[in-house]
Amino acid sequence: MIAISRVPEVIEALTALGTADPELSGVAVADGPEVSDTQAQDWLIFGFDGDPSGDFQAAQSVSTAAGLGTRREEEFEITAAAIANRGDTDVVAARDRVLGIGARVAQWLQTDPALGLTELQAGTGAMRLIQNQTEDGAQVVLLMTVSGRGFI
């Protein structure tokens, strides 16, 4: 089968890193939106912005011919969401938690920008911080973009 994008394998690599990271103990790590009965308060989701009423865009990319052969170079942006929920109104604690989760992603990418994959380089891009007080307490969402490029 001919690959048309590196995005799926990058999402899978990020999800595997999150699942294996002992510093994310207690954080539910997911590849895209999922239906779950988990009681986890904290989440790290790759390929989803964490908004069930949103547009569900996982990533975007563009590719161009690379040289004279059949290879293509792809530039991609993958959405990642770190979410911290609290049962109280302590938005500072929720923000500190969500930034700690996001820092793990940044650390993986600084340590290995290729994520263990060949002909790929990635890093953190744009970020947005969303703070909310809900009926269930403070919720802070850190939307991150994992940006990179690789050859197809």
N, C-alpha and C. Protein backbone atom coordinates (compact mmCIF):
# COMPACT_ATOMS: atom_id res chain seq x y z
N MET A 1 0.84 -1.18 0.00
CA MET A 1 0.00 0.00 0.00
C MET A 1 0.88 1.24 0.00
N ILE A 2 0.55 2.22 -0.80
CA ILE A 2 1.30 3.46 -0.90
C ILE A 2 0.86 4.40 0.22
N ALA A 3 1.83 4.92 0.96
CA ALA A 3 1.53 5.88 2.02
C ALA A 3 1.27 7.25 1.39
N ILE A 4 0.24 7.92 1.86
CA ILE A 4 -0.05 9.27 1.37
C ILE A 4 0.26 10.33 2.40
N SER A 5 0.60 9.91 3.64
CA SER A 5 0.89 10.87 4.69
C SER A 5 1.66 10.19 5.81
N ARG A 6 2.48 10.96 6.50
CA ARG A 6 3.19 10.50 7.69
C ARG A 6 2.37 10.74 8.96
N VAL A 7 1.28 11.48 8.85
CA VAL A 7 0.48 11.88 10.01
C VAL A 7 0.06 10.69 10.87
N PRO A 8 -0.52 9.62 10.31
CA PRO A 8 -0.95 8.52 11.18
C PRO A 8 0.16 7.92 12.03
N GLU A 9 1.34 7.71 11.43
CA GLU A 9 2.42 7.11 12.21
C GLU A 9 2.96 8.08 13.27
N VAL A 10 2.91 9.38 13.01
CA VAL A 10 3.34 10.35 14.02
C VAL A 10 2.36 10.35 15.19
N ILE A 11 1.06 10.33 14.90
CA ILE A 11 0.07 10.25 15.99
C ILE A 11 0.27 8.98 16.80
N GLU A 12 0.50 7.86 16.13
CA GLU A 12 0.71 6.60 16.84
C GLU A 12 1.98 6.65 17.70
N ALA A 13 3.05 7.26 17.19
CA ALA A 13 4.29 7.37 17.96
C ALA A 13 4.09 8.25 19.20
N LEU A 14 3.40 9.37 19.03
CA LEU A 14 3.12 10.25 20.17
C LEU A 14 2.26 9.55 21.22
N THR A 15 1.26 8.83 20.77
CA THR A 15 0.38 8.11 21.70
C THR A 15 1.16 7.05 22.46
N ALA A 16 2.04 6.33 21.77
CA ALA A 16 2.86 5.32 22.44
C ALA A 16 3.78 5.95 23.48
N LEU A 17 4.38 7.09 23.16
CA LEU A 17 5.24 7.79 24.12
C LEU A 17 4.43 8.21 25.35
N GLY A 18 3.24 8.74 25.13
CA GLY A 18 2.41 9.16 26.25
C GLY A 18 1.98 8.01 27.14
N THR A 19 1.63 6.90 26.52
CA THR A 19 1.20 5.72 27.27
C THR A 19 2.34 5.16 28.12
N ALA A 20 3.56 5.22 27.60
CA ALA A 20 4.72 4.65 28.29
C ALA A 20 5.38 5.59 29.28
N ASP A 21 5.03 6.87 29.28
CA ASP A 21 5.71 7.87 30.11
C ASP A 21 5.26 7.74 31.57
N PRO A 22 6.16 7.35 32.48
CA PRO A 22 5.76 7.21 33.89
C PRO A 22 5.37 8.54 34.53
N GLU A 23 5.82 9.66 33.98
CA GLU A 23 5.45 10.96 34.54
C GLU A 23 4.01 11.34 34.20
N LEU A 24 3.37 10.55 33.34
CA LEU A 24 1.97 10.81 33.00
C LEU A 24 1.05 9.78 33.66
N SER A 25 1.51 9.23 34.77
CA SER A 25 0.68 8.29 35.53
C SER A 25 -0.62 8.99 35.92
N GLY A 26 -1.73 8.35 35.67
CA GLY A 26 -3.04 8.93 35.99
C GLY A 26 -3.63 9.76 34.87
N VAL A 27 -2.87 9.97 33.80
CA VAL A 27 -3.36 10.72 32.64
C VAL A 27 -3.85 9.71 31.60
N ALA A 28 -5.07 9.88 31.14
CA ALA A 28 -5.59 9.03 30.07
C ALA A 28 -5.01 9.55 28.76
N VAL A 29 -4.32 8.68 28.03
CA VAL A 29 -3.70 9.05 26.76
C VAL A 29 -4.50 8.39 25.64
N ALA A 30 -4.88 9.18 24.63
CA ALA A 30 -5.74 8.65 23.57
C ALA A 30 -5.27 9.09 22.20
N ASP A 31 -5.53 8.23 21.23
CA ASP A 31 -5.31 8.50 19.81
C ASP A 31 -6.66 8.93 19.26
N GLY A 32 -6.89 10.23 19.19
CA GLY A 32 -8.16 10.75 18.70
C GLY A 32 -9.26 10.64 19.74
N PRO A 33 -10.46 11.07 19.35
CA PRO A 33 -11.58 11.00 20.28
C PRO A 33 -11.93 9.54 20.57
N GLU A 34 -12.31 9.27 21.79
CA GLU A 34 -12.69 7.90 22.12
C GLU A 34 -13.86 7.90 23.08
N VAL A 35 -14.60 6.82 23.02
CA VAL A 35 -15.70 6.61 23.94
C VAL A 35 -15.13 5.76 25.08
N SER A 36 -15.25 6.26 26.29
CA SER A 36 -14.63 5.59 27.41
C SER A 36 -15.45 5.83 28.68
N ASP A 37 -15.39 4.87 29.56
CA ASP A 37 -16.05 5.06 30.86
C ASP A 37 -15.03 5.37 31.95
N THR A 38 -13.84 5.79 31.55
CA THR A 38 -12.80 6.12 32.51
C THR A 38 -13.23 7.32 33.36
N GLN A 39 -12.75 7.32 34.56
CA GLN A 39 -13.00 8.43 35.47
C GLN A 39 -11.81 9.39 35.52
N ALA A 40 -10.92 9.27 34.55
CA ALA A 40 -9.71 10.10 34.52
C ALA A 40 -10.09 11.58 34.48
N GLN A 41 -9.40 12.35 35.28
CA GLN A 41 -9.59 13.80 35.31
C GLN A 41 -8.69 14.50 34.30
N ASP A 42 -7.55 13.85 34.00
CA ASP A 42 -6.56 14.45 33.13
C ASP A 42 -6.40 13.62 31.86
N TRP A 43 -6.25 14.32 30.73
CA TRP A 43 -6.18 13.65 29.42
C TRP A 43 -5.06 14.25 28.59
N LEU A 44 -4.54 13.42 27.70
CA LEU A 44 -3.64 13.85 26.65
C LEU A 44 -4.11 13.14 25.38
N ILE A 45 -4.59 13.93 24.43
CA ILE A 45 -5.22 13.37 23.24
C ILE A 45 -4.50 13.89 21.99
N PHE A 46 -4.10 12.97 21.15
CA PHE A 46 -3.44 13.34 19.89
C PHE A 46 -4.43 13.15 18.75
N GLY A 47 -4.52 14.17 17.89
CA GLY A 47 -5.43 14.11 16.75
C GLY A 47 -6.85 14.49 17.12
N PHE A 48 -7.01 15.34 18.14
CA PHE A 48 -8.34 15.79 18.57
C PHE A 48 -8.14 16.98 19.50
N ASP A 49 -9.02 17.97 19.39
CA ASP A 49 -8.86 19.16 20.23
C ASP A 49 -9.61 19.08 21.55
N GLY A 50 -10.22 17.93 21.83
CA GLY A 50 -10.90 17.75 23.10
C GLY A 50 -12.27 18.39 23.18
N ASP A 51 -12.76 18.97 22.10
CA ASP A 51 -14.06 19.64 22.08
C ASP A 51 -15.08 18.76 21.35
N PRO A 52 -15.99 18.11 22.11
CA PRO A 52 -16.96 17.23 21.46
C PRO A 52 -17.95 17.96 20.55
N SER A 53 -17.99 19.27 20.63
CA SER A 53 -18.87 20.03 19.73
C SER A 53 -18.08 20.72 18.63
N GLY A 54 -16.78 20.40 18.53
CA GLY A 54 -15.90 21.04 17.55
C GLY A 54 -15.96 20.37 16.18
N ASP A 55 -14.95 20.66 15.38
CA ASP A 55 -14.94 20.16 14.01
C ASP A 55 -14.18 18.85 13.85
N PHE A 56 -13.55 18.34 14.92
CA PHE A 56 -12.86 17.05 14.93
C PHE A 56 -11.68 16.98 13.96
N GLN A 57 -11.10 18.11 13.60
CA GLN A 57 -9.93 18.08 12.73
C GLN A 57 -8.75 17.53 13.51
N ALA A 58 -8.16 16.46 13.00
CA ALA A 58 -7.04 15.80 13.67
C ALA A 58 -5.70 16.42 13.27
N ALA A 59 -5.57 16.78 11.99
CA ALA A 59 -4.29 17.27 11.48
C ALA A 59 -4.52 17.91 10.13
N GLN A 60 -3.48 18.57 9.68
CA GLN A 60 -3.48 19.07 8.31
C GLN A 60 -2.06 18.94 7.77
N SER A 61 -1.96 18.76 6.46
CA SER A 61 -0.65 18.64 5.87
C SER A 61 -0.69 19.08 4.41
N VAL A 62 0.50 19.31 3.90
CA VAL A 62 0.67 19.62 2.49
C VAL A 62 1.95 18.92 2.05
N SER A 63 1.93 18.36 0.85
CA SER A 63 3.14 17.70 0.36
C SER A 63 3.49 18.21 -1.03
N THR A 64 4.78 18.17 -1.31
CA THR A 64 5.29 18.62 -2.60
C THR A 64 6.31 17.60 -3.10
N ALA A 65 6.51 17.59 -4.41
CA ALA A 65 7.50 16.69 -5.00
C ALA A 65 8.88 17.00 -4.43
N ALA A 66 9.64 15.96 -4.18
CA ALA A 66 10.99 16.12 -3.62
C ALA A 66 11.99 15.58 -4.64
N GLY A 67 12.61 16.45 -5.37
CA GLY A 67 13.60 16.03 -6.35
C GLY A 67 12.96 15.51 -7.63
N LEU A 68 13.69 14.69 -8.32
CA LEU A 68 13.23 14.19 -9.61
C LEU A 68 12.52 12.85 -9.51
N GLY A 69 12.52 12.24 -8.35
CA GLY A 69 11.90 10.92 -8.19
C GLY A 69 10.44 11.00 -7.83
N THR A 70 9.96 9.92 -7.28
CA THR A 70 8.55 9.82 -6.90
C THR A 70 8.31 10.19 -5.44
N ARG A 71 9.34 10.55 -4.71
CA ARG A 71 9.19 10.90 -3.29
C ARG A 71 8.53 12.26 -3.15
N ARG A 72 7.90 12.43 -2.00
CA ARG A 72 7.26 13.69 -1.68
C ARG A 72 7.71 14.11 -0.29
N GLU A 73 7.81 15.43 -0.08
CA GLU A 73 8.09 15.97 1.25
C GLU A 73 6.79 16.54 1.80
N GLU A 74 6.45 16.13 3.01
CA GLU A 74 5.20 16.55 3.64
C GLU A 74 5.49 17.43 4.84
N GLU A 75 4.76 18.53 4.93
CA GLU A 75 4.75 19.36 6.13
C GLU A 75 3.41 19.15 6.81
N PHE A 76 3.44 18.90 8.12
CA PHE A 76 2.20 18.57 8.82
C PHE A 76 2.06 19.35 10.12
N GLU A 77 0.82 19.44 10.57
CA GLU A 77 0.47 20.00 11.88
C GLU A 77 -0.57 19.08 12.48
N ILE A 78 -0.26 18.53 13.64
CA ILE A 78 -1.16 17.62 14.34
C ILE A 78 -1.66 18.31 15.60
N THR A 79 -2.95 18.25 15.81
CA THR A 79 -3.56 18.83 17.00
C THR A 79 -3.38 17.89 18.18
N ALA A 80 -3.00 18.43 19.31
CA ALA A 80 -2.91 17.68 20.56
C ALA A 80 -3.60 18.50 21.64
N ALA A 81 -4.31 17.81 22.52
CA ALA A 81 -4.98 18.50 23.62
C ALA A 81 -4.59 17.86 24.95
N ALA A 82 -4.10 18.69 25.86
CA ALA A 82 -3.90 18.28 27.24
C ALA A 82 -5.05 18.90 28.03
N ILE A 83 -5.71 18.10 28.85
CA ILE A 83 -6.89 18.57 29.57
C ILE A 83 -6.73 18.21 31.04
N ALA A 84 -6.96 19.20 31.90
CA ALA A 84 -6.94 18.96 33.35
C ALA A 84 -8.27 19.43 33.92
N ASN A 85 -8.97 18.52 34.58
CA ASN A 85 -10.24 18.81 35.25
C ASN A 85 -10.04 18.71 36.75
N ARG A 86 -10.73 19.56 37.46
CA ARG A 86 -10.66 19.51 38.92
C ARG A 86 -12.08 19.52 39.49
N GLY A 87 -12.22 18.96 40.65
CA GLY A 87 -13.52 18.97 41.32
C GLY A 87 -13.75 20.22 42.14
N ASP A 88 -12.81 21.16 42.07
CA ASP A 88 -12.95 22.42 42.81
C ASP A 88 -12.71 23.57 41.83
N THR A 89 -12.62 24.76 42.33
CA THR A 89 -12.48 25.93 41.45
C THR A 89 -11.04 26.44 41.35
N ASP A 90 -10.07 25.61 41.71
CA ASP A 90 -8.67 26.01 41.71
C ASP A 90 -8.10 25.97 40.29
N VAL A 91 -8.29 27.06 39.55
CA VAL A 91 -7.83 27.11 38.17
C VAL A 91 -6.30 27.13 38.08
N VAL A 92 -5.64 27.65 39.09
CA VAL A 92 -4.18 27.66 39.08
C VAL A 92 -3.63 26.23 39.12
N ALA A 93 -4.20 25.40 39.98
CA ALA A 93 -3.75 24.01 40.06
C ALA A 93 -4.04 23.27 38.75
N ALA A 94 -5.20 23.52 38.15
CA ALA A 94 -5.53 22.89 36.87
C ALA A 94 -4.58 23.35 35.77
N ARG A 95 -4.27 24.64 35.77
CA ARG A 95 -3.34 25.17 34.77
C ARG A 95 -1.95 24.57 34.95
N ASP A 96 -1.47 24.49 36.19
CA ASP A 96 -0.16 23.90 36.45
C ASP A 96 -0.12 22.45 35.97
N ARG A 97 -1.19 21.72 36.21
CA ARG A 97 -1.25 20.32 35.80
C ARG A 97 -1.22 20.20 34.28
N VAL A 98 -2.02 20.99 33.59
CA VAL A 98 -2.09 20.88 32.14
C VAL A 98 -0.77 21.31 31.49
N LEU A 99 -0.12 22.30 32.05
CA LEU A 99 1.18 22.73 31.52
C LEU A 99 2.25 21.66 31.76
N GLY A 100 2.14 20.95 32.86
CA GLY A 100 3.05 19.83 33.11
C GLY A 100 2.86 18.70 32.11
N ILE A 101 1.62 18.43 31.75
CA ILE A 101 1.33 17.41 30.73
C ILE A 101 1.91 17.85 29.39
N GLY A 102 1.66 19.10 29.02
CA GLY A 102 2.19 19.61 27.76
C GLY A 102 3.70 19.63 27.73
N ALA A 103 4.33 19.88 28.86
CA ALA A 103 5.79 19.89 28.93
C ALA A 103 6.38 18.53 28.62
N ARG A 104 5.66 17.47 28.93
CA ARG A 104 6.14 16.13 28.60
C ARG A 104 6.23 15.96 27.08
N VAL A 105 5.23 16.43 26.35
CA VAL A 105 5.24 16.34 24.89
C VAL A 105 6.43 17.13 24.35
N ALA A 106 6.63 18.33 24.85
CA ALA A 106 7.76 19.15 24.41
C ALA A 106 9.08 18.44 24.71
N GLN A 107 9.17 17.79 25.84
CA GLN A 107 10.40 17.07 26.21
C GLN A 107 10.68 15.93 25.25
N TRP A 108 9.66 15.14 24.88
CA TRP A 108 9.87 14.03 23.94
C TRP A 108 10.42 14.56 22.62
N LEU A 109 9.83 15.67 22.15
CA LEU A 109 10.22 16.22 20.85
C LEU A 109 11.61 16.87 20.90
N GLN A 110 12.00 17.41 22.04
CA GLN A 110 13.35 17.95 22.17
C GLN A 110 14.37 16.83 22.25
N THR A 111 14.01 15.75 22.92
CA THR A 111 14.91 14.61 23.07
C THR A 111 15.11 13.87 21.75
N ASP A 112 14.01 13.67 21.01
CA ASP A 112 14.08 12.96 19.74
C ASP A 112 13.10 13.58 18.75
N PRO A 113 13.53 14.59 18.01
CA PRO A 113 12.64 15.25 17.06
C PRO A 113 12.10 14.32 15.97
N ALA A 114 12.73 13.18 15.77
CA ALA A 114 12.25 12.21 14.78
C ALA A 114 11.25 11.23 15.38
N LEU A 115 11.06 11.25 16.68
CA LEU A 115 10.13 10.35 17.37
C LEU A 115 10.42 8.88 17.08
N GLY A 116 11.69 8.58 16.79
CA GLY A 116 12.06 7.21 16.47
C GLY A 116 11.72 6.79 15.05
N LEU A 117 11.25 7.72 14.24
CA LEU A 117 10.87 7.43 12.86
C LEU A 117 11.97 7.90 11.92
N THR A 118 12.04 7.34 10.73
CA THR A 118 13.06 7.74 9.77
C THR A 118 12.58 8.92 8.95
N GLU A 119 13.53 9.75 8.55
CA GLU A 119 13.29 10.88 7.66
C GLU A 119 12.12 11.76 8.11
N LEU A 120 12.16 12.12 9.38
CA LEU A 120 11.09 12.93 9.96
C LEU A 120 11.69 13.85 11.01
N GLN A 121 11.14 15.04 11.13
CA GLN A 121 11.54 15.97 12.17
C GLN A 121 10.30 16.71 12.64
N ALA A 122 10.12 16.82 13.95
CA ALA A 122 8.93 17.48 14.50
C ALA A 122 9.28 18.25 15.76
N GLY A 123 8.41 19.16 16.12
CA GLY A 123 8.56 19.94 17.33
C GLY A 123 7.22 20.56 17.69
N THR A 124 7.17 21.22 18.82
CA THR A 124 5.92 21.88 19.20
C THR A 124 5.80 23.19 18.43
N GLY A 125 4.57 23.50 18.06
CA GLY A 125 4.29 24.74 17.33
C GLY A 125 3.41 25.64 18.17
N ALA A 126 2.33 26.09 17.58
CA ALA A 126 1.41 27.01 18.26
C ALA A 126 0.74 26.34 19.46
N MET A 127 0.41 27.16 20.44
CA MET A 127 -0.31 26.69 21.63
C MET A 127 -1.41 27.67 21.98
N ARG A 128 -2.47 27.12 22.53
CA ARG A 128 -3.58 27.94 23.06
C ARG A 128 -3.95 27.40 24.43
N LEU A 129 -4.18 28.28 25.38
CA LEU A 129 -4.57 27.90 26.73
C LEU A 129 -5.99 28.38 26.97
N ILE A 130 -6.87 27.45 27.35
CA ILE A 130 -8.28 27.77 27.57
C ILE A 130 -8.60 27.40 29.02
N GLN A 131 -9.12 28.36 29.77
CA GLN A 131 -9.47 28.14 31.18
C GLN A 131 -10.96 28.36 31.35
N ASN A 132 -11.58 27.43 32.08
CA ASN A 132 -13.03 27.50 32.24
C ASN A 132 -13.41 27.03 33.64
N GLN A 133 -14.48 27.60 34.15
CA GLN A 133 -15.10 27.10 35.38
C GLN A 133 -16.41 26.44 34.96
N THR A 134 -16.55 25.16 35.25
CA THR A 134 -17.75 24.42 34.89
C THR A 134 -18.51 24.03 36.15
N GLU A 135 -19.64 23.38 35.96
CA GLU A 135 -20.41 22.88 37.11
C GLU A 135 -19.61 21.87 37.92
N ASP A 136 -18.65 21.22 37.27
CA ASP A 136 -17.83 20.21 37.93
C ASP A 136 -16.50 20.75 38.42
N GLY A 137 -16.28 22.05 38.29
CA GLY A 137 -15.04 22.66 38.75
C GLY A 137 -14.22 23.21 37.61
N ALA A 138 -13.00 23.58 37.93
CA ALA A 138 -12.11 24.19 36.95
C ALA A 138 -11.69 23.17 35.89
N GLN A 139 -11.61 23.65 34.66
CA GLN A 139 -11.09 22.85 33.55
C GLN A 139 -10.15 23.74 32.75
N VAL A 140 -8.95 23.23 32.49
CA VAL A 140 -7.99 23.95 31.67
C VAL A 140 -7.58 23.03 30.52
N VAL A 141 -7.60 23.59 29.32
CA VAL A 141 -7.22 22.85 28.12
C VAL A 141 -6.03 23.57 27.48
N LEU A 142 -5.00 22.79 27.19
CA LEU A 142 -3.85 23.29 26.45
C LEU A 142 -3.89 22.64 25.08
N LEU A 143 -4.17 23.45 24.06
CA LEU A 143 -4.14 22.96 22.69
C LEU A 143 -2.75 23.20 22.13
N MET A 144 -2.15 22.15 21.65
CA MET A 144 -0.79 22.23 21.12
C MET A 144 -0.80 21.76 19.67
N THR A 145 0.11 22.27 18.90
CA THR A 145 0.32 21.79 17.55
C THR A 145 1.69 21.13 17.50
N VAL A 146 1.70 19.88 17.05
CA VAL A 146 2.97 19.21 16.76
C VAL A 146 3.20 19.42 15.28
N SER A 147 4.21 20.22 14.96
CA SER A 147 4.51 20.58 13.58
C SER A 147 5.77 19.86 13.14
N GLY A 148 5.79 19.48 11.88
CA GLY A 148 6.99 18.83 11.38
C GLY A 148 6.97 18.60 9.89
N ARG A 149 7.97 17.86 9.48
CA ARG A 149 8.04 17.50 8.07
C ARG A 149 8.77 16.18 7.95
N GLY A 150 8.47 15.50 6.86
CA GLY A 150 9.11 14.22 6.61
C GLY A 150 8.91 13.84 5.16
N PHE A 151 9.57 12.79 4.77
CA PHE A 151 9.45 12.31 3.41
C PHE A 151 8.48 11.14 3.34
N ILE A 152 7.69 11.12 2.27
CA ILE A 152 6.73 10.04 2.03
C ILE A 152 7.34 9.16 0.95
